[in-house]
Structure formats: structure tokens, C-alpha cells
Amino acid sequence: MVGKMNASQLIEFLKRLIKDAKRKVILMLDNLWVHYAKLVKVWLTQHKEEIEVFYLPTYSPGLNPDLKTGMHSKPPASNKKQLKTKVLSHMRILQKQPARVMRYFCHPKICYAA
């Protein structure tokens, strides 16, 4: 992806996210404008059996401490490729630890999404 994310790019991402899912996908999004785009909302409505979206509160810097911790545990990325590598690496670690991810939803600030 080059440049700013737009509704079409987000929908392509969402399609890939649900493509091989064996059950409904639950996705938490922040308040980026594109997450609320009309095209995205229409697409989400058409796929409500496959994916459900929850939005983080407007100001919620503490609601993703795990990714922040994982990203800061090593030297910072100095370019886009390194950043992508770091994020993917950390997300793969989390993917192998579903119990850990489920515990995130026990936090009082996000238990509404559990």
C-alpha cells in the first residue's frame, strides 16, 4: 500500500481477513476516518454474519499495551520495511497464543467487546 489508506483498501483487507476464517471474525478498530467510510459500513452490513467490528473509544492510548510493549522491546524500526517486519513478527507470536489474546478482553476498559 502506498499513500493513505482508503475505503477500497480497507475492504480488500477485510475480505482477506475473513476469507479462510472458520467462524465469525471480531475486529477492533480505532477512529481512523476510513473505518467509518460509507463504503466500509455498507460492506460490513453485507457481511455481518462473517465479521463484526467494535470501535475503540476516541482517546484510548492504553488499550493496546501489548503491541506497544512488543514493538518497543527491540531497537526501533528505521524504515517502513523494518516496521512491517516487526509488526508481523509480533502478530505471529500473538497468533500462536490465543489464551493471551482472550485475556485482553478481560481488561475493564475493553470487556464490552468480549
PDB file of N, CA and C in Angstrom:
ATOM      1  N   MET A   1       0.844  -1.187   0.000  1.00  0.00           N
ATOM      2  CA  MET A   1       0.000   0.000   0.000  1.00  0.00           C
ATOM      3  C   MET A   1       0.882   1.241   0.000  1.00  0.00           C
ATOM      4  N   VAL A   2       0.597   2.145  -0.862  1.00  0.00           N
ATOM      5  CA  VAL A   2       1.333   3.391  -0.935  1.00  0.00           C
ATOM      6  C   VAL A   2       0.362   4.522  -0.668  1.00  0.00           C
ATOM      7  N   GLY A   3       0.785   5.493   0.116  1.00  0.00           N
ATOM      8  CA  GLY A   3      -0.080   6.620   0.418  1.00  0.00           C
ATOM      9  C   GLY A   3      -1.035   6.315   1.554  1.00  0.00           C
ATOM     10  N   LYS A   4      -2.085   7.109   1.622  1.00  0.00           N
ATOM     11  CA  LYS A   4      -3.070   6.960   2.687  1.00  0.00           C
ATOM     12  C   LYS A   4      -4.037   5.826   2.392  1.00  0.00           C
ATOM     13  N   MET A   5      -4.500   5.187   3.463  1.00  0.00           N
ATOM     14  CA  MET A   5      -5.495   4.119   3.301  1.00  0.00           C
ATOM     15  C   MET A   5      -6.821   4.735   2.885  1.00  0.00           C
ATOM     16  N   ASN A   6      -7.522   4.027   2.005  1.00  0.00           N
ATOM     17  CA  ASN A   6      -8.852   4.476   1.616  1.00  0.00           C
ATOM     18  C   ASN A   6      -9.843   3.329   1.830  1.00  0.00           C
ATOM     19  N   ALA A   7     -11.104   3.590   1.585  1.00  0.00           N
ATOM     20  CA  ALA A   7     -12.157   2.605   1.848  1.00  0.00           C
ATOM     21  C   ALA A   7     -11.956   1.322   1.037  1.00  0.00           C
ATOM     22  N   SER A   8     -11.572   1.450  -0.206  1.00  0.00           N
ATOM     23  CA  SER A   8     -11.370   0.262  -1.051  1.00  0.00           C
ATOM     24  C   SER A   8     -10.263  -0.620  -0.511  1.00  0.00           C
ATOM     25  N   GLN A   9      -9.182  -0.007  -0.061  1.00  0.00           N
ATOM     26  CA  GLN A   9      -8.071  -0.778   0.508  1.00  0.00           C
ATOM     27  C   GLN A   9      -8.494  -1.477   1.791  1.00  0.00           C
ATOM     28  N   LEU A  10      -9.258  -0.786   2.622  1.00  0.00           N
ATOM     29  CA  LEU A  10      -9.722  -1.401   3.866  1.00  0.00           C
ATOM     30  C   LEU A  10     -10.647  -2.578   3.567  1.00  0.00           C
ATOM     31  N   ILE A  11     -11.514  -2.428   2.600  1.00  0.00           N
ATOM     32  CA  ILE A  11     -12.419  -3.525   2.244  1.00  0.00           C
ATOM     33  C   ILE A  11     -11.626  -4.723   1.724  1.00  0.00           C
ATOM     34  N   GLU A  12     -10.606  -4.482   0.941  1.00  0.00           N
ATOM     35  CA  GLU A  12      -9.753  -5.587   0.469  1.00  0.00           C
ATOM     36  C   GLU A  12      -9.106  -6.299   1.659  1.00  0.00           C
ATOM     37  N   PHE A  13      -8.646  -5.526   2.630  1.00  0.00           N
ATOM     38  CA  PHE A  13      -8.071  -6.109   3.840  1.00  0.00           C
ATOM     39  C   PHE A  13      -9.106  -6.956   4.575  1.00  0.00           C
ATOM     40  N   LEU A  14     -10.309  -6.430   4.715  1.00  0.00           N
ATOM     41  CA  LEU A  14     -11.371  -7.150   5.416  1.00  0.00           C
ATOM     42  C   LEU A  14     -11.726  -8.450   4.693  1.00  0.00           C
ATOM     43  N   LYS A  15     -11.753  -8.404   3.374  1.00  0.00           N
ATOM     44  CA  LYS A  15     -12.030  -9.616   2.595  1.00  0.00           C
ATOM     45  C   LYS A  15     -10.973 -10.688   2.871  1.00  0.00           C
ATOM     46  N   ARG A  16      -9.724 -10.272   2.899  1.00  0.00           N
ATOM     47  CA  ARG A  16      -8.643 -11.220   3.167  1.00  0.00           C
ATOM     48  C   ARG A  16      -8.728 -11.750   4.594  1.00  0.00           C
ATOM     49  N   LEU A  17      -9.164 -10.895   5.507  1.00  0.00           N
ATOM     50  CA  LEU A  17      -9.263 -11.283   6.911  1.00  0.00           C
ATOM     51  C   LEU A  17     -10.302 -12.385   7.120  1.00  0.00           C
ATOM     52  N   ILE A  18     -11.418 -12.295   6.431  1.00  0.00           N
ATOM     53  CA  ILE A  18     -12.486 -13.286   6.634  1.00  0.00           C
ATOM     54  C   ILE A  18     -12.401 -14.478   5.690  1.00  0.00           C
ATOM     55  N   LYS A  19     -11.559 -14.386   4.680  1.00  0.00           N
ATOM     56  CA  LYS A  19     -11.516 -15.388   3.610  1.00  0.00           C
ATOM     57  C   LYS A  19     -11.451 -16.830   4.128  1.00  0.00           C
ATOM     58  N   ASP A  20     -10.523 -17.134   4.997  1.00  0.00           N
ATOM     59  CA  ASP A  20     -10.347 -18.507   5.465  1.00  0.00           C
ATOM     60  C   ASP A  20     -10.791 -18.711   6.914  1.00  0.00           C
ATOM     61  N   ALA A  21     -11.478 -17.732   7.463  1.00  0.00           N
ATOM     62  CA  ALA A  21     -11.926 -17.845   8.851  1.00  0.00           C
ATOM     63  C   ALA A  21     -13.000 -18.918   8.967  1.00  0.00           C
ATOM     64  N   LYS A  22     -12.873 -19.738   9.965  1.00  0.00           N
ATOM     65  CA  LYS A  22     -13.833 -20.821  10.160  1.00  0.00           C
ATOM     66  C   LYS A  22     -15.018 -20.383  11.024  1.00  0.00           C
ATOM     67  N   ARG A  23     -14.908 -19.187  11.588  1.00  0.00           N
ATOM     68  CA  ARG A  23     -16.007 -18.629  12.375  1.00  0.00           C
ATOM     69  C   ARG A  23     -15.985 -17.107  12.237  1.00  0.00           C
ATOM     70  N   LYS A  24     -16.937 -16.473  12.833  1.00  0.00           N
ATOM     71  CA  LYS A  24     -17.078 -15.029  12.716  1.00  0.00           C
ATOM     72  C   LYS A  24     -15.834 -14.322  13.251  1.00  0.00           C
ATOM     73  N   VAL A  25     -15.369 -13.337  12.513  1.00  0.00           N
ATOM     74  CA  VAL A  25     -14.204 -12.546  12.910  1.00  0.00           C
ATOM     75  C   VAL A  25     -14.682 -11.346  13.715  1.00  0.00           C
ATOM     76  N   ILE A  26     -14.027 -11.114  14.834  1.00  0.00           N
ATOM     77  CA  ILE A  26     -14.289  -9.935  15.661  1.00  0.00           C
ATOM     78  C   ILE A  26     -13.085  -9.020  15.492  1.00  0.00           C
ATOM     79  N   LEU A  27     -13.324  -7.789  15.054  1.00  0.00           N
ATOM     80  CA  LEU A  27     -12.245  -6.851  14.768  1.00  0.00           C
ATOM     81  C   LEU A  27     -12.439  -5.572  15.555  1.00  0.00           C
ATOM     82  N   MET A  28     -11.384  -5.122  16.184  1.00  0.00           N
ATOM     83  CA  MET A  28     -11.422  -3.850  16.900  1.00  0.00           C
ATOM     84  C   MET A  28     -10.677  -2.817  16.069  1.00  0.00           C
ATOM     85  N   LEU A  29     -11.307  -1.682  15.853  1.00  0.00           N
ATOM     86  CA  LEU A  29     -10.719  -0.613  15.055  1.00  0.00           C
ATOM     87  C   LEU A  29     -10.622   0.660  15.875  1.00  0.00           C
ATOM     88  N   ASP A  30      -9.677   1.499  15.495  1.00  0.00           N
ATOM     89  CA  ASP A  30      -9.585   2.802  16.138  1.00  0.00           C
ATOM     90  C   ASP A  30     -10.481   3.773  15.361  1.00  0.00           C
ATOM     91  N   ASN A  31     -10.244   5.048  15.517  1.00  0.00           N
ATOM     92  CA  ASN A  31     -11.148   6.035  14.929  1.00  0.00           C
ATOM     93  C   ASN A  31     -10.610   6.691  13.667  1.00  0.00           C
ATOM     94  N   LEU A  32      -9.817   5.965  12.899  1.00  0.00           N
ATOM     95  CA  LEU A  32      -9.363   6.473  11.613  1.00  0.00           C
ATOM     96  C   LEU A  32     -10.594   6.729  10.749  1.00  0.00           C
ATOM     97  N   TRP A  33     -10.618   7.822  10.045  1.00  0.00           N
ATOM     98  CA  TRP A  33     -11.822   8.209   9.282  1.00  0.00           C
ATOM     99  C   TRP A  33     -12.291   7.113   8.338  1.00  0.00           C
ATOM    100  N   VAL A  34     -11.348   6.395   7.738  1.00  0.00           N
ATOM    101  CA  VAL A  34     -11.724   5.384   6.747  1.00  0.00           C
ATOM    102  C   VAL A  34     -12.505   4.229   7.382  1.00  0.00           C
ATOM    103  N   HIS A  35     -12.332   3.998   8.661  1.00  0.00           N
ATOM    104  CA  HIS A  35     -13.074   2.930   9.340  1.00  0.00           C
ATOM    105  C   HIS A  35     -14.576   3.235   9.374  1.00  0.00           C
ATOM    106  N   TYR A  36     -14.930   4.489   9.211  1.00  0.00           N
ATOM    107  CA  TYR A  36     -16.333   4.912   9.246  1.00  0.00           C
ATOM    108  C   TYR A  36     -16.871   5.273   7.862  1.00  0.00           C
ATOM    109  N   ALA A  37     -16.073   5.049   6.830  1.00  0.00           N
ATOM    110  CA  ALA A  37     -16.484   5.412   5.472  1.00  0.00           C
ATOM    111  C   ALA A  37     -17.772   4.689   5.074  1.00  0.00           C
ATOM    112  N   LYS A  38     -18.586   5.347   4.288  1.00  0.00           N
ATOM    113  CA  LYS A  38     -19.880   4.797   3.872  1.00  0.00           C
ATOM    114  C   LYS A  38     -19.711   3.447   3.169  1.00  0.00           C
ATOM    115  N   LEU A  39     -18.735   3.340   2.258  1.00  0.00           N
ATOM    116  CA  LEU A  39     -18.495   2.072   1.555  1.00  0.00           C
ATOM    117  C   LEU A  39     -18.155   0.946   2.525  1.00  0.00           C
ATOM    118  N   VAL A  40     -17.372   1.269   3.534  1.00  0.00           N
ATOM    119  CA  VAL A  40     -16.970   0.263   4.525  1.00  0.00           C
ATOM    120  C   VAL A  40     -18.182  -0.172   5.338  1.00  0.00           C
ATOM    121  N   LYS A  41     -18.989   0.785   5.756  1.00  0.00           N
ATOM    122  CA  LYS A  41     -20.185   0.441   6.535  1.00  0.00           C
ATOM    123  C   LYS A  41     -21.147  -0.432   5.729  1.00  0.00           C
ATOM    124  N   VAL A  42     -21.316  -0.127   4.457  1.00  0.00           N
ATOM    125  CA  VAL A  42     -22.185  -0.932   3.601  1.00  0.00           C
ATOM    126  C   VAL A  42     -21.625  -2.346   3.487  1.00  0.00           C
ATOM    127  N   TRP A  43     -20.316  -2.455   3.247  1.00  0.00           N
ATOM    128  CA  TRP A  43     -19.692  -3.768   3.116  1.00  0.00           C
ATOM    129  C   TRP A  43     -19.840  -4.565   4.412  1.00  0.00           C
ATOM    130  N   LEU A  44     -19.610  -3.915   5.545  1.00  0.00           N
ATOM    131  CA  LEU A  44     -19.740  -4.596   6.838  1.00  0.00           C
ATOM    132  C   LEU A  44     -21.173  -5.081   7.057  1.00  0.00           C
ATOM    133  N   THR A  45     -22.149  -4.286   6.663  1.00  0.00           N
ATOM    134  CA  THR A  45     -23.550  -4.692   6.792  1.00  0.00           C
ATOM    135  C   THR A  45     -23.831  -5.930   5.938  1.00  0.00           C
ATOM    136  N   GLN A  46     -23.250  -5.975   4.761  1.00  0.00           N
ATOM    137  CA  GLN A  46     -23.457  -7.112   3.866  1.00  0.00           C
ATOM    138  C   GLN A  46     -22.742  -8.376   4.349  1.00  0.00           C
ATOM    139  N   HIS A  47     -21.794  -8.229   5.247  1.00  0.00           N
ATOM    140  CA  HIS A  47     -21.013  -9.371   5.728  1.00  0.00           C
ATOM    141  C   HIS A  47     -21.109  -9.536   7.248  1.00  0.00           C
ATOM    142  N   LYS A  48     -22.239  -9.119   7.819  1.00  0.00           N
ATOM    143  CA  LYS A  48     -22.379  -9.138   9.274  1.00  0.00           C
ATOM    144  C   LYS A  48     -22.351 -10.542   9.873  1.00  0.00           C
ATOM    145  N   GLU A  49     -22.602 -11.562   9.074  1.00  0.00           N
ATOM    146  CA  GLU A  49     -22.514 -12.941   9.580  1.00  0.00           C
ATOM    147  C   GLU A  49     -21.062 -13.416   9.645  1.00  0.00           C
ATOM    148  N   GLU A  50     -20.186 -12.728   8.925  1.00  0.00           N
ATOM    149  CA  GLU A  50     -18.784 -13.145   8.843  1.00  0.00           C
ATOM    150  C   GLU A  50     -17.836 -12.300   9.676  1.00  0.00           C
ATOM    151  N   ILE A  51     -18.220 -11.041   9.929  1.00  0.00           N
ATOM    152  CA  ILE A  51     -17.325 -10.141  10.656  1.00  0.00           C
ATOM    153  C   ILE A  51     -18.137  -9.129  11.458  1.00  0.00           C
ATOM    154  N   GLU A  52     -17.629  -8.831  12.637  1.00  0.00           N
ATOM    155  CA  GLU A  52     -18.255  -7.813  13.490  1.00  0.00           C
ATOM    156  C   GLU A  52     -17.163  -6.867  13.961  1.00  0.00           C
ATOM    157  N   VAL A  53     -17.449  -5.591  13.886  1.00  0.00           N
ATOM    158  CA  VAL A  53     -16.457  -4.571  14.213  1.00  0.00           C
ATOM    159  C   VAL A  53     -16.869  -3.828  15.477  1.00  0.00           C
ATOM    160  N   PHE A  54     -15.889  -3.604  16.332  1.00  0.00           N
ATOM    161  CA  PHE A  54     -16.059  -2.764  17.518  1.00  0.00           C
ATOM    162  C   PHE A  54     -15.054  -1.628  17.398  1.00  0.00           C
ATOM    163  N   TYR A  55     -15.455  -0.451  17.816  1.00  0.00           N
ATOM    164  CA  TYR A  55     -14.590   0.720  17.727  1.00  0.00           C
ATOM    165  C   TYR A  55     -14.069   1.091  19.103  1.00  0.00           C
ATOM    166  N   LEU A  56     -12.783   1.366  19.177  1.00  0.00           N
ATOM    167  CA  LEU A  56     -12.192   1.808  20.434  1.00  0.00           C
ATOM    168  C   LEU A  56     -12.712   3.198  20.768  1.00  0.00           C
ATOM    169  N   PRO A  57     -12.743   3.541  22.052  1.00  0.00           N
ATOM    170  CA  PRO A  57     -13.128   4.907  22.416  1.00  0.00           C
ATOM    171  C   PRO A  57     -12.199   5.914  21.731  1.00  0.00           C
ATOM    172  N   THR A  58     -12.671   7.125  21.551  1.00  0.00           N
ATOM    173  CA  THR A  58     -11.922   8.147  20.833  1.00  0.00           C
ATOM    174  C   THR A  58     -10.500   8.301  21.335  1.00  0.00           C
ATOM    175  N   TYR A  59     -10.311   8.426  22.621  1.00  0.00           N
ATOM    176  CA  TYR A  59      -8.960   8.565  23.161  1.00  0.00           C
ATOM    177  C   TYR A  59      -8.680   7.339  24.010  1.00  0.00           C
ATOM    178  N   SER A  60      -7.832   6.449  23.513  1.00  0.00           N
ATOM    179  CA  SER A  60      -7.579   5.209  24.237  1.00  0.00           C
ATOM    180  C   SER A  60      -6.129   4.746  24.075  1.00  0.00           C
ATOM    181  N   PRO A  61      -5.181   5.552  24.508  1.00  0.00           N
ATOM    182  CA  PRO A  61      -3.779   5.185  24.298  1.00  0.00           C
ATOM    183  C   PRO A  61      -3.356   3.931  25.055  1.00  0.00           C
ATOM    184  N   GLY A  62      -4.058   3.579  26.099  1.00  0.00           N
ATOM    185  CA  GLY A  62      -3.658   2.430  26.897  1.00  0.00           C
ATOM    186  C   GLY A  62      -4.307   1.120  26.494  1.00  0.00           C
ATOM    187  N   LEU A  63      -5.112   1.105  25.445  1.00  0.00           N
ATOM    188  CA  LEU A  63      -5.860  -0.097  25.122  1.00  0.00           C
ATOM    189  C   LEU A  63      -5.121  -1.076  24.210  1.00  0.00           C
ATOM    190  N   ASN A  64      -3.925  -0.752  23.816  1.00  0.00           N
ATOM    191  CA  ASN A  64      -3.142  -1.692  23.033  1.00  0.00           C
ATOM    192  C   ASN A  64      -1.733  -1.788  23.608  1.00  0.00           C
ATOM    193  N   PRO A  65      -1.632  -2.074  24.915  1.00  0.00           N
ATOM    194  CA  PRO A  65      -0.312  -2.090  25.546  1.00  0.00           C
ATOM    195  C   PRO A  65       0.558  -3.235  25.055  1.00  0.00           C
ATOM    196  N   ASP A  66      -0.042  -4.334  24.651  1.00  0.00           N
ATOM    197  CA  ASP A  66       0.768  -5.475  24.247  1.00  0.00           C
ATOM    198  C   ASP A  66       1.558  -5.183  22.988  1.00  0.00           C
ATOM    199  N   LEU A  67       0.906  -4.628  21.979  1.00  0.00           N
ATOM    200  CA  LEU A  67       1.614  -4.321  20.742  1.00  0.00           C
ATOM    201  C   LEU A  67       2.685  -3.270  21.000  1.00  0.00           C
ATOM    202  N   LYS A  68       2.358  -2.276  21.817  1.00  0.00           N
ATOM    203  CA  LYS A  68       3.346  -1.245  22.120  1.00  0.00           C
ATOM    204  C   LYS A  68       4.549  -1.850  22.827  1.00  0.00           C
ATOM    205  N   THR A  69       4.307  -2.736  23.780  1.00  0.00           N
ATOM    206  CA  THR A  69       5.400  -3.381  24.502  1.00  0.00           C
ATOM    207  C   THR A  69       6.234  -4.221  23.558  1.00  0.00           C
ATOM    208  N   GLY A  70       5.576  -5.019  22.728  1.00  0.00           N
ATOM    209  CA  GLY A  70       6.295  -5.862  21.783  1.00  0.00           C
ATOM    210  C   GLY A  70       7.095  -5.061  20.780  1.00  0.00           C
ATOM    211  N   MET A  71       6.560  -3.936  20.374  1.00  0.00           N
ATOM    212  CA  MET A  71       7.235  -3.119  19.379  1.00  0.00           C
ATOM    213  C   MET A  71       8.426  -2.370  19.981  1.00  0.00           C
ATOM    214  N   HIS A  72       8.365  -2.079  21.268  1.00  0.00           N
ATOM    215  CA  HIS A  72       9.442  -1.313  21.902  1.00  0.00           C
ATOM    216  C   HIS A  72      10.486  -2.195  22.566  1.00  0.00           C
ATOM    217  N   SER A  73      10.319  -3.505  22.499  1.00  0.00           N
ATOM    218  CA  SER A  73      11.251  -4.394  23.177  1.00  0.00           C
ATOM    219  C   SER A  73      12.564  -4.555  22.412  1.00  0.00           C
ATOM    220  N   LYS A  74      12.607  -4.106  21.183  1.00  0.00           N
ATOM    221  CA  LYS A  74      13.808  -4.185  20.352  1.00  0.00           C
ATOM    222  C   LYS A  74      14.098  -2.801  19.796  1.00  0.00           C
ATOM    223  N   PRO A  75      15.254  -2.632  19.159  1.00  0.00           N
ATOM    224  CA  PRO A  75      15.557  -1.305  18.580  1.00  0.00           C
ATOM    225  C   PRO A  75      14.443  -0.850  17.633  1.00  0.00           C
ATOM    226  N   PRO A  76      14.191   0.452  17.577  1.00  0.00           N
ATOM    227  CA  PRO A  76      13.105   0.951  16.728  1.00  0.00           C
ATOM    228  C   PRO A  76      13.375   0.713  15.242  1.00  0.00           C
ATOM    229  N   ALA A  77      12.309   0.581  14.503  1.00  0.00           N
ATOM    230  CA  ALA A  77      12.417   0.426  13.051  1.00  0.00           C
ATOM    231  C   ALA A  77      12.884   1.742  12.453  1.00  0.00           C
ATOM    232  N   SER A  78      13.753   1.646  11.479  1.00  0.00           N
ATOM    233  CA  SER A  78      14.251   2.875  10.858  1.00  0.00           C
ATOM    234  C   SER A  78      13.649   3.119   9.483  1.00  0.00           C
ATOM    235  N   ASN A  79      12.806   2.180   9.025  1.00  0.00           N
ATOM    236  CA  ASN A  79      12.133   2.383   7.746  1.00  0.00           C
ATOM    237  C   ASN A  79      10.835   1.562   7.722  1.00  0.00           C
ATOM    238  N   LYS A  80      10.065   1.745   6.676  1.00  0.00           N
ATOM    239  CA  LYS A  80       8.754   1.101   6.564  1.00  0.00           C
ATOM    240  C   LYS A  80       8.871  -0.426   6.543  1.00  0.00           C
ATOM    241  N   LYS A  81       9.866  -0.944   5.833  1.00  0.00           N
ATOM    242  CA  LYS A  81      10.044  -2.387   5.733  1.00  0.00           C
ATOM    243  C   LYS A  81      10.344  -3.002   7.101  1.00  0.00           C
ATOM    244  N   GLN A  82      11.215  -2.370   7.870  1.00  0.00           N
ATOM    245  CA  GLN A  82      11.538  -2.874   9.213  1.00  0.00           C
ATOM    246  C   GLN A  82      10.319  -2.815  10.124  1.00  0.00           C
ATOM    247  N   LEU A  83       9.557  -1.741  10.026  1.00  0.00           N
ATOM    248  CA  LEU A  83       8.350  -1.616  10.853  1.00  0.00           C
ATOM    249  C   LEU A  83       7.362  -2.738  10.523  1.00  0.00           C
ATOM    250  N   LYS A  84       7.159  -2.983   9.233  1.00  0.00           N
ATOM    251  CA  LYS A  84       6.258  -4.047   8.825  1.00  0.00           C
ATOM    252  C   LYS A  84       6.742  -5.397   9.344  1.00  0.00           C
ATOM    253  N   THR A  85       8.029  -5.640   9.252  1.00  0.00           N
ATOM    254  CA  THR A  85       8.609  -6.897   9.737  1.00  0.00           C
ATOM    255  C   THR A  85       8.383  -7.056  11.234  1.00  0.00           C
ATOM    256  N   LYS A  86       8.606  -5.972  11.989  1.00  0.00           N
ATOM    257  CA  LYS A  86       8.415  -6.029  13.437  1.00  0.00           C
ATOM    258  C   LYS A  86       6.957  -6.302  13.807  1.00  0.00           C
ATOM    259  N   VAL A  87       6.047  -5.614  13.161  1.00  0.00           N
ATOM    260  CA  VAL A  87       4.617  -5.798  13.458  1.00  0.00           C
ATOM    261  C   VAL A  87       4.188  -7.221  13.111  1.00  0.00           C
ATOM    262  N   LEU A  88       4.552  -7.692  11.916  1.00  0.00           N
ATOM    263  CA  LEU A  88       4.173  -9.048  11.516  1.00  0.00           C
ATOM    264  C   LEU A  88       4.758 -10.097  12.457  1.00  0.00           C
ATOM    265  N   SER A  89       5.985  -9.899  12.862  1.00  0.00           N
ATOM    266  CA  SER A  89       6.623 -10.839  13.783  1.00  0.00           C
ATOM    267  C   SER A  89       5.862 -10.901  15.105  1.00  0.00           C
ATOM    268  N   HIS A  90       5.526  -9.736  15.638  1.00  0.00           N
ATOM    269  CA  HIS A  90       4.806  -9.704  16.912  1.00  0.00           C
ATOM    270  C   HIS A  90       3.401 -10.282  16.770  1.00  0.00           C
ATOM    271  N   MET A  91       2.728  -9.983  15.671  1.00  0.00           N
ATOM    272  CA  MET A  91       1.385 -10.513  15.471  1.00  0.00           C
ATOM    273  C   MET A  91       1.410 -12.035  15.315  1.00  0.00           C
ATOM    274  N   ARG A  92       2.457 -12.580  14.711  1.00  0.00           N
ATOM    275  CA  ARG A  92       2.576 -14.040  14.595  1.00  0.00           C
ATOM    276  C   ARG A  92       2.759 -14.680  15.961  1.00  0.00           C
ATOM    277  N   ILE A  93       3.506 -14.014  16.818  1.00  0.00           N
ATOM    278  CA  ILE A  93       3.672 -14.510  18.193  1.00  0.00           C
ATOM    279  C   ILE A  93       2.306 -14.558  18.881  1.00  0.00           C
ATOM    280  N   LEU A  94       1.537 -13.477  18.743  1.00  0.00           N
ATOM    281  CA  LEU A  94       0.215 -13.422  19.365  1.00  0.00           C
ATOM    282  C   LEU A  94      -0.732 -14.460  18.767  1.00  0.00           C
ATOM    283  N   GLN A  95      -0.605 -14.699  17.474  1.00  0.00           N
ATOM    284  CA  GLN A  95      -1.469 -15.667  16.792  1.00  0.00           C
ATOM    285  C   GLN A  95      -1.313 -17.061  17.388  1.00  0.00           C
ATOM    286  N   LYS A  96      -0.150 -17.364  17.913  1.00  0.00           N
ATOM    287  CA  LYS A  96       0.116 -18.682  18.489  1.00  0.00           C
ATOM    288  C   LYS A  96      -0.254 -18.752  19.971  1.00  0.00           C
ATOM    289  N   GLN A  97      -0.790 -17.656  20.508  1.00  0.00           N
ATOM    290  CA  GLN A  97      -1.138 -17.598  21.923  1.00  0.00           C
ATOM    291  C   GLN A  97      -2.573 -17.097  22.108  1.00  0.00           C
ATOM    292  N   PRO A  98      -3.567 -17.869  21.671  1.00  0.00           N
ATOM    293  CA  PRO A  98      -4.955 -17.397  21.757  1.00  0.00           C
ATOM    294  C   PRO A  98      -5.418 -17.106  23.184  1.00  0.00           C
ATOM    295  N   ALA A  99      -4.923 -17.854  24.150  1.00  0.00           N
ATOM    296  CA  ALA A  99      -5.334 -17.592  25.536  1.00  0.00           C
ATOM    297  C   ALA A  99      -4.883 -16.200  25.974  1.00  0.00           C
ATOM    298  N   ARG A 100      -3.704 -15.809  25.538  1.00  0.00           N
ATOM    299  CA  ARG A 100      -3.187 -14.480  25.864  1.00  0.00           C
ATOM    300  C   ARG A 100      -4.083 -13.403  25.248  1.00  0.00           C
ATOM    301  N   VAL A 101      -4.467 -13.595  23.993  1.00  0.00           N
ATOM    302  CA  VAL A 101      -5.322 -12.620  23.325  1.00  0.00           C
ATOM    303  C   VAL A 101      -6.680 -12.552  24.010  1.00  0.00           C
ATOM    304  N   MET A 102      -7.226 -13.692  24.400  1.00  0.00           N
ATOM    305  CA  MET A 102      -8.523 -13.702  25.080  1.00  0.00           C
ATOM    306  C   MET A 102      -8.468 -12.937  26.401  1.00  0.00           C
ATOM    307  N   ARG A 103      -7.321 -12.970  27.075  1.00  0.00           N
ATOM    308  CA  ARG A 103      -7.194 -12.236  28.339  1.00  0.00           C
ATOM    309  C   ARG A 103      -7.283 -10.725  28.143  1.00  0.00           C
ATOM    310  N   TYR A 104      -6.925 -10.231  26.956  1.00  0.00           N
ATOM    311  CA  TYR A 104      -7.024  -8.791  26.703  1.00  0.00           C
ATOM    312  C   TYR A 104      -8.452  -8.305  26.924  1.00  0.00           C
ATOM    313  N   PHE A 105      -9.409  -9.153  26.585  1.00  0.00           N
ATOM    314  CA  PHE A 105     -10.810  -8.757  26.666  1.00  0.00           C
ATOM    315  C   PHE A 105     -11.359  -8.808  28.092  1.00  0.00           C
ATOM    316  N   CYS A 106     -10.527  -9.189  29.037  1.00  0.00           N
ATOM    317  CA  CYS A 106     -10.919  -9.154  30.446  1.00  0.00           C
ATOM    318  C   CYS A 106     -10.620  -7.785  31.064  1.00  0.00           C
ATOM    319  N   HIS A 107      -9.827  -6.984  30.370  1.00  0.00           N
ATOM    320  CA  HIS A 107      -9.479  -5.654  30.872  1.00  0.00           C
ATOM    321  C   HIS A 107     -10.743  -4.816  30.986  1.00  0.00           C
ATOM    322  N   PRO A 108     -10.925  -4.108  32.097  1.00  0.00           N
ATOM    323  CA  PRO A 108     -12.162  -3.345  32.319  1.00  0.00           C
ATOM    324  C   PRO A 108     -12.498  -2.347  31.202  1.00  0.00           C
ATOM    325  N   LYS A 109     -11.486  -1.791  30.533  1.00  0.00           N
ATOM    326  CA  LYS A 109     -11.752  -0.791  29.507  1.00  0.00           C
ATOM    327  C   LYS A 109     -12.207  -1.393  28.188  1.00  0.00           C
ATOM    328  N   ILE A 110     -12.022  -2.688  27.989  1.00  0.00           N
ATOM    329  CA  ILE A 110     -12.466  -3.272  26.722  1.00  0.00           C
ATOM    330  C   ILE A 110     -13.307  -4.525  26.878  1.00  0.00           C
ATOM    331  N   CYS A 111     -13.739  -4.820  28.088  1.00  0.00           N
ATOM    332  CA  CYS A 111     -14.542  -6.021  28.300  1.00  0.00           C
ATOM    333  C   CYS A 111     -15.888  -5.946  27.572  1.00  0.00           C
ATOM    334  N   TYR A 112     -16.310  -4.760  27.163  1.00  0.00           N
ATOM    335  CA  TYR A 112     -17.563  -4.618  26.411  1.00  0.00           C
ATOM    336  C   TYR A 112     -17.501  -5.384  25.088  1.00  0.00           C
ATOM    337  N   ALA A 113     -16.306  -5.632  24.585  1.00  0.00           N
ATOM    338  CA  ALA A 113     -16.163  -6.319  23.292  1.00  0.00           C
ATOM    339  C   ALA A 113     -16.056  -7.835  23.444  1.00  0.00           C
ATOM    340  N   ALA A 114     -16.040  -8.312  24.671  1.00  0.00           N
ATOM    341  CA  ALA A 114     -15.864  -9.760  24.891  1.00  0.00           C
ATOM    342  C   ALA A 114     -17.116 -10.535  24.504  1.00  0.00           C
TER     343      ALA A 114
END
